[in-house]
N, C-alpha and C. Protein backbone atom coordinates (compact mmCIF):
# COMPACT_ATOMS: atom_id res chain seq x y z
N MET A 1 -10.51 0.42 -23.84
CA MET A 1 -9.22 0.12 -23.23
C MET A 1 -9.05 0.98 -21.97
N LEU A 2 -8.63 0.34 -20.91
CA LEU A 2 -8.42 1.00 -19.64
C LEU A 2 -6.93 1.28 -19.46
N PHE A 3 -6.59 2.48 -19.03
CA PHE A 3 -5.20 2.86 -18.86
C PHE A 3 -4.81 2.84 -17.39
N ARG A 4 -3.55 2.47 -17.13
CA ARG A 4 -3.02 2.41 -15.77
C ARG A 4 -3.28 3.71 -15.02
N SER A 5 -3.04 4.84 -15.66
CA SER A 5 -3.21 6.13 -14.99
C SER A 5 -4.64 6.36 -14.54
N GLN A 6 -5.61 5.83 -15.27
CA GLN A 6 -7.02 5.98 -14.89
C GLN A 6 -7.30 5.26 -13.57
N VAL A 7 -6.73 4.09 -13.40
CA VAL A 7 -6.94 3.32 -12.17
C VAL A 7 -6.09 3.91 -11.05
N PHE A 8 -4.86 4.30 -11.35
CA PHE A 8 -3.92 4.85 -10.37
C PHE A 8 -4.49 6.08 -9.69
N THR A 9 -5.09 6.96 -10.46
CA THR A 9 -5.63 8.21 -9.91
C THR A 9 -7.10 8.10 -9.55
N GLY A 10 -7.77 7.05 -10.01
CA GLY A 10 -9.20 6.88 -9.75
C GLY A 10 -9.47 5.83 -8.70
N PRO A 11 -10.11 4.71 -9.09
CA PRO A 11 -10.55 3.73 -8.10
C PRO A 11 -9.44 3.04 -7.34
N GLY A 12 -8.22 3.00 -7.88
CA GLY A 12 -7.10 2.39 -7.16
C GLY A 12 -6.60 3.23 -6.02
N ARG A 13 -6.84 4.53 -6.08
CA ARG A 13 -6.48 5.49 -5.03
C ARG A 13 -4.98 5.52 -4.73
N CYS A 14 -4.15 5.01 -5.62
CA CYS A 14 -2.70 4.92 -5.40
C CYS A 14 -2.07 6.30 -5.22
N VAL A 15 -2.56 7.27 -5.97
CA VAL A 15 -1.99 8.61 -5.99
C VAL A 15 -2.07 9.30 -4.62
N ILE A 16 -2.89 8.79 -3.74
CA ILE A 16 -3.01 9.38 -2.41
C ILE A 16 -1.67 9.36 -1.68
N CYS A 17 -0.93 8.27 -1.79
CA CYS A 17 0.39 8.16 -1.15
C CYS A 17 1.53 8.23 -2.16
N HIS A 18 1.28 7.77 -3.36
CA HIS A 18 2.33 7.71 -4.38
C HIS A 18 2.16 8.87 -5.36
N SER A 19 2.69 10.03 -4.95
CA SER A 19 2.56 11.23 -5.78
C SER A 19 3.92 11.90 -5.92
N GLY A 20 3.96 12.93 -6.72
CA GLY A 20 5.21 13.67 -6.93
C GLY A 20 6.11 12.99 -7.92
N GLY A 21 7.29 13.56 -8.11
CA GLY A 21 8.23 13.08 -9.11
C GLY A 21 8.69 11.65 -8.92
N LEU A 22 8.80 11.22 -7.67
CA LEU A 22 9.24 9.84 -7.39
C LEU A 22 8.08 8.93 -7.05
N PHE A 23 6.86 9.44 -7.12
CA PHE A 23 5.67 8.67 -6.76
C PHE A 23 5.77 8.14 -5.33
N ALA A 24 6.16 9.02 -4.41
CA ALA A 24 6.24 8.68 -2.99
C ALA A 24 6.03 9.95 -2.18
N ASP A 25 5.34 9.86 -1.06
CA ASP A 25 5.05 11.05 -0.26
C ASP A 25 6.05 11.29 0.86
N ASP A 26 7.08 10.46 0.97
CA ASP A 26 8.13 10.63 1.98
C ASP A 26 7.56 10.58 3.41
N GLN A 27 6.52 9.79 3.60
CA GLN A 27 5.88 9.64 4.90
C GLN A 27 5.93 8.17 5.33
N PHE A 28 5.53 7.92 6.56
CA PHE A 28 5.44 6.57 7.10
C PHE A 28 3.97 6.23 7.33
N HIS A 29 3.54 5.04 6.89
CA HIS A 29 2.14 4.64 6.99
C HIS A 29 2.01 3.21 7.48
N ASN A 30 0.96 2.95 8.23
CA ASN A 30 0.60 1.58 8.56
C ASN A 30 -0.40 1.14 7.50
N GLU A 31 -0.03 0.11 6.75
CA GLU A 31 -0.82 -0.34 5.61
C GLU A 31 -1.69 -1.55 5.93
N GLY A 32 -1.71 -1.97 7.16
CA GLY A 32 -2.54 -3.11 7.52
C GLY A 32 -1.96 -4.43 7.07
N LEU A 33 -0.63 -4.53 7.06
CA LEU A 33 0.02 -5.80 6.73
C LEU A 33 -0.02 -6.73 7.93
N ARG A 34 -0.30 -7.98 7.69
CA ARG A 34 -0.26 -8.98 8.76
C ARG A 34 1.21 -9.18 9.12
N PRO A 35 1.56 -9.00 10.40
CA PRO A 35 2.97 -9.19 10.79
C PRO A 35 3.43 -10.61 10.54
N ILE A 36 4.63 -10.75 9.98
CA ILE A 36 5.22 -12.06 9.75
C ILE A 36 6.11 -12.42 10.94
N ALA A 37 6.81 -11.46 11.44
CA ALA A 37 7.71 -11.65 12.58
C ALA A 37 7.63 -10.39 13.44
N GLU A 38 8.40 -10.35 14.47
CA GLU A 38 8.45 -9.17 15.32
C GLU A 38 9.06 -8.02 14.53
N ASP A 39 8.21 -7.20 13.95
CA ASP A 39 8.65 -6.08 13.11
C ASP A 39 7.76 -4.90 13.42
N ASN A 40 8.25 -3.98 14.23
CA ASN A 40 7.44 -2.86 14.70
C ASN A 40 7.51 -1.63 13.82
N GLY A 41 8.20 -1.73 12.69
CA GLY A 41 8.26 -0.58 11.79
C GLY A 41 8.93 0.62 12.42
N ARG A 42 8.38 1.77 12.17
CA ARG A 42 8.95 3.05 12.65
C ARG A 42 9.06 3.09 14.17
N GLN A 43 8.19 2.35 14.87
CA GLN A 43 8.23 2.34 16.33
C GLN A 43 9.59 1.87 16.85
N ALA A 44 10.27 1.01 16.12
CA ALA A 44 11.59 0.54 16.55
C ALA A 44 12.59 1.68 16.63
N VAL A 45 12.35 2.75 15.86
CA VAL A 45 13.25 3.91 15.85
C VAL A 45 12.79 4.97 16.84
N THR A 46 11.47 5.25 16.85
CA THR A 46 10.96 6.36 17.65
C THR A 46 10.56 5.96 19.06
N GLY A 47 10.23 4.68 19.26
CA GLY A 47 9.72 4.24 20.55
C GLY A 47 8.27 4.62 20.78
N ASN A 48 7.64 5.27 19.84
CA ASN A 48 6.27 5.73 19.95
C ASN A 48 5.30 4.63 19.50
N PRO A 49 4.41 4.17 20.38
CA PRO A 49 3.45 3.13 20.00
C PRO A 49 2.58 3.51 18.79
N ALA A 50 2.37 4.79 18.56
CA ALA A 50 1.58 5.25 17.41
C ALA A 50 2.29 4.96 16.10
N ASP A 51 3.59 4.66 16.16
CA ASP A 51 4.37 4.36 14.95
C ASP A 51 4.45 2.86 14.67
N ALA A 52 3.78 2.04 15.49
CA ALA A 52 3.82 0.59 15.28
C ALA A 52 3.25 0.25 13.91
N GLY A 53 4.01 -0.54 13.16
CA GLY A 53 3.56 -0.98 11.84
C GLY A 53 3.66 0.04 10.74
N ARG A 54 4.25 1.19 11.02
CA ARG A 54 4.38 2.22 9.99
C ARG A 54 5.72 2.05 9.25
N PHE A 55 5.63 2.10 7.93
CA PHE A 55 6.80 1.98 7.07
C PHE A 55 6.77 3.09 6.04
N LYS A 56 7.94 3.47 5.56
CA LYS A 56 8.05 4.58 4.61
C LYS A 56 7.47 4.20 3.25
N THR A 57 6.75 5.12 2.65
CA THR A 57 6.19 4.91 1.32
C THR A 57 7.34 4.82 0.32
N PRO A 58 7.44 3.71 -0.41
CA PRO A 58 8.52 3.58 -1.39
C PRO A 58 8.18 4.31 -2.69
N SER A 59 9.19 4.64 -3.42
CA SER A 59 9.00 5.20 -4.75
C SER A 59 8.45 4.12 -5.68
N LEU A 60 7.63 4.53 -6.62
CA LEU A 60 7.16 3.58 -7.62
C LEU A 60 7.93 3.72 -8.92
N ARG A 61 8.96 4.54 -8.92
CA ARG A 61 9.79 4.70 -10.10
C ARG A 61 10.43 3.35 -10.43
N ASN A 62 10.27 2.88 -11.66
CA ASN A 62 10.80 1.59 -12.12
C ASN A 62 10.30 0.41 -11.29
N ILE A 63 9.09 0.51 -10.78
CA ILE A 63 8.55 -0.50 -9.86
C ILE A 63 8.55 -1.91 -10.44
N ALA A 64 8.33 -2.05 -11.73
CA ALA A 64 8.27 -3.38 -12.33
C ALA A 64 9.62 -4.10 -12.27
N LEU A 65 10.69 -3.36 -11.99
CA LEU A 65 12.03 -3.95 -11.96
C LEU A 65 12.56 -4.19 -10.56
N THR A 66 11.74 -3.92 -9.53
CA THR A 66 12.27 -3.92 -8.17
C THR A 66 11.68 -4.98 -7.24
N ALA A 67 11.16 -6.08 -7.79
CA ALA A 67 10.62 -7.14 -6.94
C ALA A 67 11.72 -7.71 -6.06
N PRO A 68 11.40 -8.25 -4.92
CA PRO A 68 10.09 -8.40 -4.32
C PRO A 68 9.61 -7.09 -3.69
N TYR A 69 8.34 -7.09 -3.26
CA TYR A 69 7.69 -5.86 -2.83
C TYR A 69 7.31 -5.86 -1.35
N MET A 70 7.08 -4.70 -0.83
CA MET A 70 6.77 -4.35 0.55
C MET A 70 8.10 -4.31 1.32
N HIS A 71 8.06 -3.79 2.53
CA HIS A 71 9.30 -3.59 3.29
C HIS A 71 10.02 -4.90 3.58
N ASP A 72 9.27 -5.99 3.62
CA ASP A 72 9.87 -7.28 3.96
C ASP A 72 9.93 -8.26 2.79
N GLY A 73 9.59 -7.79 1.59
CA GLY A 73 9.67 -8.63 0.41
C GLY A 73 8.65 -9.74 0.35
N ARG A 74 7.54 -9.59 1.02
CA ARG A 74 6.56 -10.69 1.09
C ARG A 74 5.82 -10.96 -0.21
N PHE A 75 5.77 -9.98 -1.12
CA PHE A 75 5.06 -10.19 -2.38
C PHE A 75 6.05 -10.25 -3.53
N GLU A 76 5.90 -11.28 -4.35
CA GLU A 76 6.80 -11.49 -5.49
C GLU A 76 6.38 -10.70 -6.73
N THR A 77 5.09 -10.39 -6.85
CA THR A 77 4.60 -9.74 -8.06
C THR A 77 3.78 -8.50 -7.73
N LEU A 78 3.67 -7.63 -8.72
CA LEU A 78 2.80 -6.46 -8.55
C LEU A 78 1.35 -6.88 -8.41
N ALA A 79 0.97 -7.96 -9.07
CA ALA A 79 -0.40 -8.45 -8.95
C ALA A 79 -0.73 -8.80 -7.50
N GLU A 80 0.22 -9.36 -6.76
CA GLU A 80 0.01 -9.68 -5.35
C GLU A 80 -0.16 -8.41 -4.52
N VAL A 81 0.65 -7.40 -4.81
CA VAL A 81 0.54 -6.12 -4.09
C VAL A 81 -0.83 -5.50 -4.35
N ILE A 82 -1.23 -5.50 -5.59
CA ILE A 82 -2.52 -4.91 -5.96
C ILE A 82 -3.66 -5.66 -5.27
N GLU A 83 -3.59 -6.98 -5.23
CA GLU A 83 -4.63 -7.76 -4.56
C GLU A 83 -4.65 -7.48 -3.07
N PHE A 84 -3.48 -7.29 -2.47
CA PHE A 84 -3.43 -6.93 -1.05
C PHE A 84 -4.23 -5.65 -0.80
N TYR A 85 -3.92 -4.58 -1.55
CA TYR A 85 -4.63 -3.32 -1.35
C TYR A 85 -6.09 -3.42 -1.79
N ASN A 86 -6.39 -4.31 -2.70
CA ASN A 86 -7.75 -4.47 -3.19
C ASN A 86 -8.65 -5.13 -2.15
N ALA A 87 -8.13 -6.15 -1.45
CA ALA A 87 -9.03 -6.94 -0.60
C ALA A 87 -8.43 -7.52 0.67
N GLU A 88 -7.15 -7.30 0.96
CA GLU A 88 -6.51 -8.02 2.07
C GLU A 88 -5.93 -7.15 3.17
N VAL A 89 -6.14 -5.84 3.13
CA VAL A 89 -5.64 -4.97 4.19
C VAL A 89 -6.28 -5.40 5.51
N GLU A 90 -5.46 -5.57 6.54
CA GLU A 90 -5.92 -6.04 7.85
C GLU A 90 -6.25 -4.87 8.77
N PRO A 91 -7.21 -5.05 9.67
CA PRO A 91 -7.46 -4.01 10.68
C PRO A 91 -6.23 -3.86 11.57
N HIS A 92 -5.97 -2.66 12.02
CA HIS A 92 -4.86 -2.38 12.94
C HIS A 92 -5.18 -1.07 13.64
N PRO A 93 -4.84 -0.94 14.92
CA PRO A 93 -5.12 0.32 15.62
C PRO A 93 -4.47 1.53 14.97
N ASN A 94 -3.34 1.33 14.28
CA ASN A 94 -2.63 2.44 13.64
C ASN A 94 -2.83 2.47 12.13
N LEU A 95 -3.81 1.74 11.61
CA LEU A 95 -4.04 1.72 10.17
C LEU A 95 -4.21 3.14 9.65
N ASP A 96 -3.47 3.45 8.59
CA ASP A 96 -3.54 4.79 8.00
C ASP A 96 -4.99 5.12 7.67
N ARG A 97 -5.41 6.32 8.03
CA ARG A 97 -6.80 6.73 7.84
C ARG A 97 -7.22 6.67 6.38
N ARG A 98 -6.26 6.81 5.45
CA ARG A 98 -6.59 6.77 4.03
C ARG A 98 -6.92 5.36 3.55
N LEU A 99 -6.60 4.38 4.38
CA LEU A 99 -6.93 2.99 4.04
C LEU A 99 -8.15 2.50 4.82
N GLN A 100 -8.81 3.42 5.52
CA GLN A 100 -9.99 3.07 6.31
C GLN A 100 -11.26 3.57 5.63
N GLY A 101 -12.32 2.79 5.80
CA GLY A 101 -13.64 3.23 5.39
C GLY A 101 -14.24 4.08 6.48
N PRO A 102 -15.46 4.58 6.28
CA PRO A 102 -16.12 5.42 7.27
C PRO A 102 -16.31 4.75 8.63
N ASP A 103 -16.34 3.41 8.63
CA ASP A 103 -16.53 2.66 9.88
C ASP A 103 -15.21 2.35 10.59
N GLY A 104 -14.08 2.83 10.04
CA GLY A 104 -12.77 2.59 10.63
C GLY A 104 -12.14 1.28 10.21
N GLN A 105 -12.89 0.44 9.52
CA GLN A 105 -12.37 -0.83 9.03
C GLN A 105 -11.63 -0.60 7.71
N PRO A 106 -10.77 -1.55 7.33
CA PRO A 106 -10.03 -1.39 6.07
C PRO A 106 -10.97 -1.16 4.89
N ARG A 107 -10.60 -0.21 4.07
CA ARG A 107 -11.37 0.11 2.86
C ARG A 107 -11.00 -0.90 1.78
N ARG A 108 -11.97 -1.50 1.18
CA ARG A 108 -11.77 -2.43 0.07
C ARG A 108 -11.91 -1.66 -1.23
N LEU A 109 -10.96 -1.82 -2.13
CA LEU A 109 -11.02 -1.11 -3.41
C LEU A 109 -12.03 -1.73 -4.36
N ASN A 110 -12.18 -3.05 -4.26
CA ASN A 110 -13.12 -3.76 -5.12
C ASN A 110 -12.87 -3.50 -6.61
N LEU A 111 -11.60 -3.54 -7.00
CA LEU A 111 -11.24 -3.34 -8.41
C LEU A 111 -11.66 -4.55 -9.22
N SER A 112 -12.05 -4.30 -10.44
CA SER A 112 -12.38 -5.39 -11.36
C SER A 112 -11.08 -6.05 -11.83
N ASP A 113 -11.18 -7.23 -12.44
CA ASP A 113 -10.00 -7.89 -12.98
C ASP A 113 -9.35 -7.01 -14.05
N GLN A 114 -10.15 -6.31 -14.83
CA GLN A 114 -9.62 -5.41 -15.86
C GLN A 114 -8.85 -4.25 -15.23
N GLU A 115 -9.37 -3.69 -14.16
CA GLU A 115 -8.68 -2.59 -13.47
C GLU A 115 -7.38 -3.07 -12.84
N LYS A 116 -7.40 -4.25 -12.23
CA LYS A 116 -6.17 -4.79 -11.62
C LYS A 116 -5.12 -5.06 -12.70
N ALA A 117 -5.53 -5.60 -13.81
CA ALA A 117 -4.58 -5.88 -14.91
C ALA A 117 -4.00 -4.58 -15.47
N ALA A 118 -4.82 -3.56 -15.61
CA ALA A 118 -4.33 -2.27 -16.11
C ALA A 118 -3.30 -1.67 -15.15
N LEU A 119 -3.57 -1.79 -13.86
CA LEU A 119 -2.66 -1.24 -12.86
C LEU A 119 -1.33 -1.99 -12.83
N ALA A 120 -1.38 -3.31 -12.94
CA ALA A 120 -0.15 -4.11 -12.95
C ALA A 120 0.63 -3.91 -14.22
N GLY A 121 -0.09 -3.60 -15.31
CA GLY A 121 0.45 -3.29 -16.62
C GLY A 121 1.69 -3.95 -16.98
């Protein structure tokens, strides 16, 4: 049996941004989301091009009760969020370095179906 915490702290790498008591690092990150509309994220507040596409890390406290997900509500289920981080992160000049592989391209988690199911729990 695979436990959510094993995937969260291991191959899912979630704990990198979602840590502490509220499971949030209180930072802004570009997660490689494909823009749906003109939404510049933190850049709209700071005016800094380096903040384009950066959004605040949300708390994961009671996450199963807070759908829809992401800053714009684009995902209806946790399974969709997990699949995004697993295989759909888009390249972006400001992509958070923790979501990049050694070549600068988006890092793929390549979680198994069992790992994804454990994480969605």
